[in-house]
């Protein structure tokens, strides 16, 4: 199953949008909210609090601040 390029969530079969750029790059989106944030608003998923990428980045920063592995 493909993953949403903005949120990082898996897209179930029969759902989602596929966006193909002129250069052949393919982007998958779970819903219009993530599609609009990525393409139109050009937001960074690491700085958007409701994405998996934000939580993953935050977790890595906490581990490195604590000195953990």
Protein backbone atom coordinates (compact mmCIF):
# COMPACT_ATOMS: atom_id res chain seq x y z
CA UNK A 1 0.00 0.00 0.00
CA UNK A 2 1.26 3.50 -0.78
CA UNK A 3 1.91 6.05 1.95
CA UNK A 4 0.64 9.61 2.06
CA UNK A 5 3.50 11.92 1.03
CA UNK A 6 2.43 14.59 3.52
CA UNK A 7 1.23 12.75 6.62
CA UNK A 8 3.13 9.48 6.32
CA UNK A 9 0.00 7.37 6.91
CA UNK A 10 -0.73 4.27 4.84
CA UNK A 11 -3.51 4.62 2.27
CA UNK A 12 -6.00 1.72 2.16
CA UNK A 13 -6.90 0.23 -1.22
CA UNK A 14 -9.63 2.15 -3.03
CA UNK A 15 -8.87 5.42 -1.23
CA UNK A 16 -6.65 8.41 -1.78
CA UNK A 17 -5.49 10.58 -4.64
CA UNK A 18 -2.55 10.13 -6.96
CA UNK A 19 -0.92 13.32 -8.28
CA UNK A 20 1.61 13.05 -11.12
CA UNK A 21 3.82 16.00 -12.02
CA UNK A 22 4.99 16.73 -15.56
CA UNK A 23 8.44 15.34 -14.75
CA UNK A 24 6.92 11.98 -13.77
CA UNK A 25 7.11 12.37 -9.99
CA UNK A 26 4.17 10.61 -8.30
CA UNK A 27 2.66 11.86 -5.03
CA UNK A 28 0.03 9.94 -3.07
CA UNK A 29 -2.42 11.68 -0.71
CA UNK A 30 -4.92 10.20 1.73
CA UNK A 31 -7.34 13.12 1.46
CA UNK A 32 -7.72 16.63 0.10
CA UNK A 33 -6.48 18.15 3.36
CA UNK A 34 -3.01 16.68 2.97
CA UNK A 35 -3.00 17.31 -0.79
CA UNK A 36 -3.81 21.00 -0.35
CA UNK A 37 -1.25 21.46 2.45
CA UNK A 38 1.49 19.90 0.33
CA UNK A 39 0.78 21.25 -3.15
CA UNK A 40 -1.06 24.54 -2.76
CA UNK A 41 0.04 25.83 0.65
CA UNK A 42 3.55 24.31 0.32
CA UNK A 43 3.75 23.42 4.01
CA UNK A 44 6.58 21.41 5.51
CA UNK A 45 5.21 18.16 7.04
CA UNK A 46 7.88 18.23 9.76
CA UNK A 47 6.53 21.58 11.00
CA UNK A 48 2.83 20.56 10.80
CA UNK A 49 1.76 19.17 14.18
CA UNK A 50 -0.84 16.64 12.97
CA UNK A 51 1.51 14.64 10.72
CA UNK A 52 3.47 11.49 11.55
CA UNK A 53 6.64 13.19 10.28
CA UNK A 54 6.27 15.90 12.97
CA UNK A 55 5.90 13.34 15.76
CA UNK A 56 8.82 11.25 14.46
CA UNK A 57 11.07 14.32 14.29
CA UNK A 58 10.01 15.45 17.76
CA UNK A 59 10.75 11.98 19.17
CA UNK A 60 14.23 11.97 17.62
CA UNK A 61 14.99 15.41 19.06
CA UNK A 62 13.87 14.32 22.55
CA UNK A 63 16.07 11.22 22.43
CA UNK A 64 19.11 13.20 21.33
CA UNK A 65 18.51 15.83 24.03
CA UNK A 66 18.36 13.13 26.71
CA UNK A 67 21.52 11.50 25.39
CA UNK A 68 19.72 8.25 24.51
CA UNK A 69 20.34 6.00 21.56
